[in-house]
Amino acid sequence: MPGTLITFDLVGIFVFAISGALVAVRKDLDVFGVLVLAGTTGLGGGFLRDVLIGATPPAALADWRYLLVPVTAGLLTFVFHATLGRIERQVEVFDAFGLSLFCVAGTLKALDHGLGPVPAALMGMVTGIGGGMLRDLLAGRVPVVFSGDLYATPALAGAAVTVLGERTDLAPVVVAVAGAGVCLTWRLLAIWRGWRAPMPSGPASV
């Protein structure tokens, strides 16, 4: 399963790094800023997970591939940002795939390090949403996950399915596909149907 985890991590990092780099381009940041936001978005969630579960040094610092992937994604976005901007809807779909991969990879790694079912599911969610939250904070905007977008909930659901699957006799790949499938389906439906999390009604002042 370690090979599968690494594959999930790297693919998810690449997709998330593109979304972070696009935010940087739209904020008129230079190439360094683009690379910083690409790296933060791609690596932030996994970095937080590894630190919280005691998997140190974090994979992002122990394996050169974890640094090469977001740098490559950032440079590609910097050069081809106009094209990527025109297909933002598709990028959003790719981002959903990244979220699905990350929530599963984060959950499985947390379970491998001895965490219980609930903490492992929470670590899966953190892996999925952590990089995006850090990206938005650095870009000076309210994190998307707090703005009514159904993002954290699908990640938590996918992580929970992964935890439940790990307690069965199913093959690890089947468990991973099931968890990612739940997260991906929910997230894509939210994008397609415009589903939003409940927001406060009425005036904000009290």
C-alpha atoms as a PDB file:
ATOM      1  CA  MET A   1       0.000   0.000   0.000  1.00  0.00           C
ATOM      2  CA  PRO A   2       2.870   2.508   0.500  1.00  0.00           C
ATOM      3  CA  GLY A   3       3.293   2.776  -3.288  1.00  0.00           C
ATOM      4  CA  THR A   4      -0.397   3.542  -3.682  1.00  0.00           C
ATOM      5  CA  LEU A   5      -0.202   6.179  -0.945  1.00  0.00           C
ATOM      6  CA  ILE A   6       2.713   7.912  -2.648  1.00  0.00           C
ATOM      7  CA  THR A   7       0.918   7.878  -6.003  1.00  0.00           C
ATOM      8  CA  PHE A   8      -2.249   9.345  -4.462  1.00  0.00           C
ATOM      9  CA  ASP A   9      -0.171  11.996  -2.694  1.00  0.00           C
ATOM     10  CA  LEU A  10       1.795  13.072  -5.774  1.00  0.00           C
ATOM     11  CA  VAL A  11      -1.202  13.256  -8.105  1.00  0.00           C
ATOM     12  CA  GLY A  12      -3.175  15.187  -5.515  1.00  0.00           C
ATOM     13  CA  ILE A  13      -0.249  17.565  -4.947  1.00  0.00           C
ATOM     14  CA  PHE A  14       0.014  18.304  -8.659  1.00  0.00           C
ATOM     15  CA  VAL A  15      -3.687  19.110  -9.013  1.00  0.00           C
ATOM     16  CA  PHE A  16      -3.834  21.244  -5.875  1.00  0.00           C
ATOM     17  CA  ALA A  17      -0.640  23.068  -6.827  1.00  0.00           C
ATOM     18  CA  ILE A  18      -2.244  24.171 -10.090  1.00  0.00           C
ATOM     19  CA  SER A  19      -5.207  25.653  -8.226  1.00  0.00           C
ATOM     20  CA  GLY A  20      -2.861  27.491  -5.873  1.00  0.00           C
ATOM     21  CA  ALA A  21      -0.780  28.827  -8.744  1.00  0.00           C
ATOM     22  CA  LEU A  22      -3.912  30.114 -10.504  1.00  0.00           C
ATOM     23  CA  VAL A  23      -4.883  32.061  -7.385  1.00  0.00           C
ATOM     24  CA  ALA A  24      -1.383  33.576  -7.313  1.00  0.00           C
ATOM     25  CA  VAL A  25      -1.567  34.611 -10.966  1.00  0.00           C
ATOM     26  CA  ARG A  26      -4.925  36.296 -10.386  1.00  0.00           C
ATOM     27  CA  LYS A  27      -3.448  38.152  -7.425  1.00  0.00           C
ATOM     28  CA  ASP A  28      -0.731  39.488  -9.794  1.00  0.00           C
ATOM     29  CA  LEU A  29       2.086  37.769  -7.891  1.00  0.00           C
ATOM     30  CA  ASP A  30       5.490  37.211  -9.475  1.00  0.00           C
ATOM     31  CA  VAL A  31       6.920  33.799 -10.335  1.00  0.00           C
ATOM     32  CA  PHE A  32       8.204  33.327  -6.784  1.00  0.00           C
ATOM     33  CA  GLY A  33       4.760  34.068  -5.380  1.00  0.00           C
ATOM     34  CA  VAL A  34       3.223  31.616  -7.830  1.00  0.00           C
ATOM     35  CA  LEU A  35       5.628  28.886  -6.725  1.00  0.00           C
ATOM     36  CA  VAL A  36       5.033  29.642  -3.036  1.00  0.00           C
ATOM     37  CA  LEU A  37       1.247  29.396  -3.363  1.00  0.00           C
ATOM     38  CA  ALA A  38       1.560  26.303  -5.569  1.00  0.00           C
ATOM     39  CA  GLY A  39       3.776  24.620  -2.989  1.00  0.00           C
ATOM     40  CA  THR A  40       1.643  25.724  -0.057  1.00  0.00           C
ATOM     41  CA  THR A  41      -1.554  24.445  -1.653  1.00  0.00           C
ATOM     42  CA  GLY A  42      -0.048  21.177  -2.806  1.00  0.00           C
ATOM     43  CA  LEU A  43       1.963  20.358   0.296  1.00  0.00           C
ATOM     44  CA  GLY A  44       0.196  22.181   3.130  1.00  0.00           C
ATOM     45  CA  GLY A  45      -2.405  19.548   3.969  1.00  0.00           C
ATOM     46  CA  GLY A  46       0.057  16.659   3.950  1.00  0.00           C
ATOM     47  CA  PHE A  47       2.582  18.692   5.951  1.00  0.00           C
ATOM     48  CA  LEU A  48       0.001  19.444   8.637  1.00  0.00           C
ATOM     49  CA  ARG A  49      -1.055  15.797   8.729  1.00  0.00           C
ATOM     50  CA  ASP A  50       2.481  14.488   9.097  1.00  0.00           C
ATOM     51  CA  VAL A  51       3.321  16.920  11.879  1.00  0.00           C
ATOM     52  CA  LEU A  52       0.106  16.155  13.779  1.00  0.00           C
ATOM     53  CA  ILE A  53       0.529  12.370  13.593  1.00  0.00           C
ATOM     54  CA  GLY A  54       4.252  12.485  14.353  1.00  0.00           C
ATOM     55  CA  ALA A  55       5.417  11.289  10.928  1.00  0.00           C
ATOM     56  CA  THR A  56       8.561  13.401  10.942  1.00  0.00           C
ATOM     57  CA  PRO A  57      10.310  14.617   8.971  1.00  0.00           C
ATOM     58  CA  PRO A  58       7.220  15.250   6.829  1.00  0.00           C
ATOM     59  CA  ALA A  59       7.151  13.489   3.469  1.00  0.00           C
ATOM     60  CA  ALA A  60       7.386  16.889   1.779  1.00  0.00           C
ATOM     61  CA  LEU A  61      10.893  17.272   3.248  1.00  0.00           C
ATOM     62  CA  ALA A  62      12.058  13.675   3.059  1.00  0.00           C
ATOM     63  CA  ASP A  63      11.293  12.856  -0.606  1.00  0.00           C
ATOM     64  CA  TRP A  64      12.501  15.076  -3.465  1.00  0.00           C
ATOM     65  CA  ARG A  65       9.454  14.172  -5.574  1.00  0.00           C
ATOM     66  CA  TYR A  66       7.198  16.003  -3.146  1.00  0.00           C
ATOM     67  CA  LEU A  67       9.025  19.251  -3.903  1.00  0.00           C
ATOM     68  CA  LEU A  68       9.490  18.691  -7.630  1.00  0.00           C
ATOM     69  CA  VAL A  69       5.780  18.105  -8.344  1.00  0.00           C
ATOM     70  CA  PRO A  70       4.424  21.462  -7.045  1.00  0.00           C
ATOM     71  CA  VAL A  71       7.330  23.375  -8.583  1.00  0.00           C
ATOM     72  CA  THR A  72       6.558  21.780 -11.955  1.00  0.00           C
ATOM     73  CA  ALA A  73       2.835  22.501 -11.588  1.00  0.00           C
ATOM     74  CA  GLY A  74       3.570  26.101 -10.561  1.00  0.00           C
ATOM     75  CA  LEU A  75       5.863  26.760 -13.519  1.00  0.00           C
ATOM     76  CA  LEU A  76       3.414  25.208 -15.975  1.00  0.00           C
ATOM     77  CA  THR A  77       0.624  27.375 -14.584  1.00  0.00           C
ATOM     78  CA  PHE A  78       2.819  30.486 -14.686  1.00  0.00           C
ATOM     79  CA  VAL A  79       3.506  29.919 -18.383  1.00  0.00           C
ATOM     80  CA  PHE A  80       0.104  28.629 -19.479  1.00  0.00           C
ATOM     81  CA  HIS A  81      -2.171  30.447 -17.019  1.00  0.00           C
ATOM     82  CA  ALA A  82      -4.301  31.963 -19.784  1.00  0.00           C
ATOM     83  CA  THR A  83      -5.182  28.523 -21.108  1.00  0.00           C
ATOM     84  CA  LEU A  84      -5.794  27.112 -17.645  1.00  0.00           C
ATOM     85  CA  GLY A  85      -7.970  30.101 -16.767  1.00  0.00           C
ATOM     86  CA  ARG A  86     -10.215  29.392 -19.755  1.00  0.00           C
ATOM     87  CA  ILE A  87     -10.796  25.840 -18.577  1.00  0.00           C
ATOM     88  CA  GLU A  88     -11.338  26.728 -14.925  1.00  0.00           C
ATOM     89  CA  ARG A  89     -14.423  24.531 -14.734  1.00  0.00           C
ATOM     90  CA  GLN A  90     -12.283  21.558 -15.683  1.00  0.00           C
ATOM     91  CA  VAL A  91      -9.614  22.637 -13.198  1.00  0.00           C
ATOM     92  CA  GLU A  92     -12.309  22.656 -10.512  1.00  0.00           C
ATOM     93  CA  VAL A  93     -13.129  19.077 -11.481  1.00  0.00           C
ATOM     94  CA  PHE A  94      -9.450  18.129 -11.239  1.00  0.00           C
ATOM     95  CA  ASP A  95      -9.374  19.806  -7.842  1.00  0.00           C
ATOM     96  CA  ALA A  96     -12.227  17.505  -6.779  1.00  0.00           C
ATOM     97  CA  PHE A  97     -10.100  14.538  -7.818  1.00  0.00           C
ATOM     98  CA  GLY A  98      -7.206  15.930  -5.772  1.00  0.00           C
ATOM     99  CA  LEU A  99      -9.463  16.333  -2.741  1.00  0.00           C
ATOM    100  CA  SER A 100     -10.597  12.725  -3.101  1.00  0.00           C
ATOM    101  CA  LEU A 101      -7.073  11.391  -3.389  1.00  0.00           C
ATOM    102  CA  PHE A 102      -5.839  13.434  -0.440  1.00  0.00           C
ATOM    103  CA  CYS A 103      -8.634  12.509   1.962  1.00  0.00           C
ATOM    104  CA  VAL A 104      -7.970   8.819   1.312  1.00  0.00           C
ATOM    105  CA  ALA A 105      -4.183   9.085   1.460  1.00  0.00           C
ATOM    106  CA  GLY A 106      -4.328  11.128   4.664  1.00  0.00           C
ATOM    107  CA  THR A 107      -6.688   8.667   6.322  1.00  0.00           C
ATOM    108  CA  LEU A 108      -4.651   5.613   5.364  1.00  0.00           C
ATOM    109  CA  LYS A 109      -1.410   7.189   6.568  1.00  0.00           C
ATOM    110  CA  ALA A 110      -3.021   8.164   9.875  1.00  0.00           C
ATOM    111  CA  LEU A 111      -4.298   4.599  10.329  1.00  0.00           C
ATOM    112  CA  ASP A 112      -0.835   3.244   9.508  1.00  0.00           C
ATOM    113  CA  HIS A 113       0.538   5.402  12.345  1.00  0.00           C
ATOM    114  CA  GLY A 114      -1.854   3.912  14.867  1.00  0.00           C
ATOM    115  CA  LEU A 115      -4.566   6.569  15.091  1.00  0.00           C
ATOM    116  CA  GLY A 116      -8.096   5.519  15.944  1.00  0.00           C
ATOM    117  CA  PRO A 117     -10.995   5.686  13.459  1.00  0.00           C
ATOM    118  CA  VAL A 118     -12.246   9.188  14.332  1.00  0.00           C
ATOM    119  CA  PRO A 119      -8.825  10.905  14.520  1.00  0.00           C
ATOM    120  CA  ALA A 120      -7.778   9.151  11.295  1.00  0.00           C
ATOM    121  CA  ALA A 121     -10.880  10.415   9.478  1.00  0.00           C
ATOM    122  CA  LEU A 122     -10.212  13.930  10.753  1.00  0.00           C
ATOM    123  CA  MET A 123      -6.619  13.700   9.520  1.00  0.00           C
ATOM    124  CA  GLY A 124      -7.952  12.660   6.126  1.00  0.00           C
ATOM    125  CA  MET A 125     -10.112  15.762   6.028  1.00  0.00           C
ATOM    126  CA  VAL A 126      -7.225  17.982   7.161  1.00  0.00           C
ATOM    127  CA  THR A 127      -5.025  16.541   4.414  1.00  0.00           C
ATOM    128  CA  GLY A 128      -7.672  17.454   1.847  1.00  0.00           C
ATOM    129  CA  ILE A 129      -8.500  20.985   2.991  1.00  0.00           C
ATOM    130  CA  GLY A 130      -5.341  22.156   4.778  1.00  0.00           C
ATOM    131  CA  GLY A 131      -3.400  23.338   1.729  1.00  0.00           C
ATOM    132  CA  GLY A 132      -6.334  25.307   0.343  1.00  0.00           C
ATOM    133  CA  MET A 133      -6.886  27.041   3.677  1.00  0.00           C
ATOM    134  CA  LEU A 134      -3.228  28.070   3.887  1.00  0.00           C
ATOM    135  CA  ARG A 135      -3.340  29.246   0.251  1.00  0.00           C
ATOM    136  CA  ASP A 136      -6.344  31.474   0.879  1.00  0.00           C
ATOM    137  CA  LEU A 137      -4.845  32.956   4.050  1.00  0.00           C
ATOM    138  CA  LEU A 138      -1.619  33.815   2.225  1.00  0.00           C
ATOM    139  CA  ALA A 139      -3.644  35.282  -0.650  1.00  0.00           C
ATOM    140  CA  GLY A 140      -5.573  37.489   1.774  1.00  0.00           C
ATOM    141  CA  ARG A 141      -9.025  36.011   1.312  1.00  0.00           C
ATOM    142  CA  VAL A 142     -11.495  34.063   3.436  1.00  0.00           C
ATOM    143  CA  PRO A 143     -10.777  30.336   3.001  1.00  0.00           C
ATOM    144  CA  VAL A 144     -13.158  28.780   0.486  1.00  0.00           C
ATOM    145  CA  VAL A 145     -13.947  26.032   2.969  1.00  0.00           C
ATOM    146  CA  PHE A 146     -15.579  28.653   5.237  1.00  0.00           C
ATOM    147  CA  SER A 147     -17.590  30.331   2.490  1.00  0.00           C
ATOM    148  CA  GLY A 148     -20.405  27.832   2.037  1.00  0.00           C
ATOM    149  CA  ASP A 149     -18.610  25.692  -0.542  1.00  0.00           C
ATOM    150  CA  LEU A 150     -19.222  21.986   0.096  1.00  0.00           C
ATOM    151  CA  TYR A 151     -15.591  20.958   0.398  1.00  0.00           C
ATOM    152  CA  ALA A 152     -14.730  19.743   3.878  1.00  0.00           C
ATOM    153  CA  THR A 153     -17.873  17.623   4.234  1.00  0.00           C
ATOM    154  CA  PRO A 154     -17.210  15.436   1.158  1.00  0.00           C
ATOM    155  CA  ALA A 155     -13.595  15.020   2.327  1.00  0.00           C
ATOM    156  CA  LEU A 156     -14.744  13.898   5.767  1.00  0.00           C
ATOM    157  CA  ALA A 157     -17.279  11.511   4.236  1.00  0.00           C
ATOM    158  CA  GLY A 158     -14.630   9.957   1.995  1.00  0.00           C
ATOM    159  CA  ALA A 159     -12.276   9.626   4.946  1.00  0.00           C
ATOM    160  CA  ALA A 160     -14.998   7.963   7.024  1.00  0.00           C
ATOM    161  CA  VAL A 161     -15.716   5.433   4.267  1.00  0.00           C
ATOM    162  CA  THR A 162     -11.985   4.690   4.074  1.00  0.00           C
ATOM    163  CA  VAL A 163     -11.844   4.067   7.825  1.00  0.00           C
ATOM    164  CA  LEU A 164     -14.853   1.742   7.670  1.00  0.00           C
ATOM    165  CA  GLY A 165     -13.417  -0.094   4.685  1.00  0.00           C
ATOM    166  CA  GLU A 166     -10.115  -0.658   6.464  1.00  0.00           C
ATOM    167  CA  ARG A 167     -12.000  -2.547   9.183  1.00  0.00           C
ATOM    168  CA  THR A 168     -13.256  -5.089   6.626  1.00  0.00           C
ATOM    169  CA  ASP A 169     -11.496  -7.771   4.623  1.00  0.00           C
ATOM    170  CA  LEU A 170     -11.675  -5.753   1.411  1.00  0.00           C
ATOM    171  CA  ALA A 171      -8.513  -5.253  -0.613  1.00  0.00           C
ATOM    172  CA  PRO A 172      -6.731  -1.943   0.159  1.00  0.00           C
ATOM    173  CA  VAL A 173      -7.219  -0.709  -3.400  1.00  0.00           C
ATOM    174  CA  VAL A 174     -10.963  -1.342  -3.148  1.00  0.00           C
ATOM    175  CA  VAL A 175     -11.093   0.565   0.130  1.00  0.00           C
ATOM    176  CA  ALA A 176      -9.192   3.494  -1.405  1.00  0.00           C
ATOM    177  CA  VAL A 177     -11.419   3.590  -4.493  1.00  0.00           C
ATOM    178  CA  ALA A 178     -14.567   3.463  -2.353  1.00  0.00           C
ATOM    179  CA  GLY A 179     -13.452   6.337  -0.116  1.00  0.00           C
ATOM    180  CA  ALA A 180     -12.268   8.466  -3.023  1.00  0.00           C
ATOM    181  CA  GLY A 181     -15.440   7.665  -4.957  1.00  0.00           C
ATOM    182  CA  VAL A 182     -17.719   8.922  -2.177  1.00  0.00           C
ATOM    183  CA  CYS A 183     -15.766  12.159  -1.817  1.00  0.00           C
ATOM    184  CA  LEU A 184     -15.491  12.711  -5.567  1.00  0.00           C
ATOM    185  CA  THR A 185     -19.156  12.016  -6.286  1.00  0.00           C
ATOM    186  CA  TRP A 186     -20.358  14.347  -3.541  1.00  0.00           C
ATOM    187  CA  ARG A 187     -17.975  17.129  -4.545  1.00  0.00           C
ATOM    188  CA  LEU A 188     -18.808  16.878  -8.260  1.00  0.00           C
ATOM    189  CA  LEU A 189     -22.531  16.894  -7.534  1.00  0.00           C
ATOM    190  CA  ALA A 190     -22.047  19.992  -5.384  1.00  0.00           C
ATOM    191  CA  ILE A 191     -20.234  21.720  -8.258  1.00  0.00           C
ATOM    192  CA  TRP A 192     -22.788  20.619 -10.866  1.00  0.00           C
ATOM    193  CA  ARG A 193     -25.921  21.329  -8.852  1.00  0.00           C
ATOM    194  CA  GLY A 194     -24.599  24.384  -7.008  1.00  0.00           C
ATOM    195  CA  TRP A 195     -25.077  22.817  -3.575  1.00  0.00           C
ATOM    196  CA  ARG A 196     -23.929  25.012  -0.698  1.00  0.00           C
ATOM    197  CA  ALA A 197     -23.514  24.537   3.025  1.00  0.00           C
ATOM    198  CA  PRO A 198     -26.112  26.355   5.205  1.00  0.00           C
ATOM    199  CA  MET A 199     -25.246  29.987   5.874  1.00  0.00           C
ATOM    200  CA  PRO A 200     -26.625  32.353   8.550  1.00  0.00           C
ATOM    201  CA  SER A 201     -29.773  34.213   7.526  1.00  0.00           C
ATOM    202  CA  GLY A 202     -30.721  37.754   8.450  1.00  0.00           C
ATOM    203  CA  PRO A 203     -28.404  40.590   9.503  1.00  0.00           C
ATOM    204  CA  ALA A 204     -24.939  39.701  10.731  1.00  0.00           C
ATOM    205  CA  SER A 205     -24.992  42.203  13.598  1.00  0.00           C
ATOM    206  CA  VAL A 206     -26.307  41.110  17.002  1.00  0.00           C
END
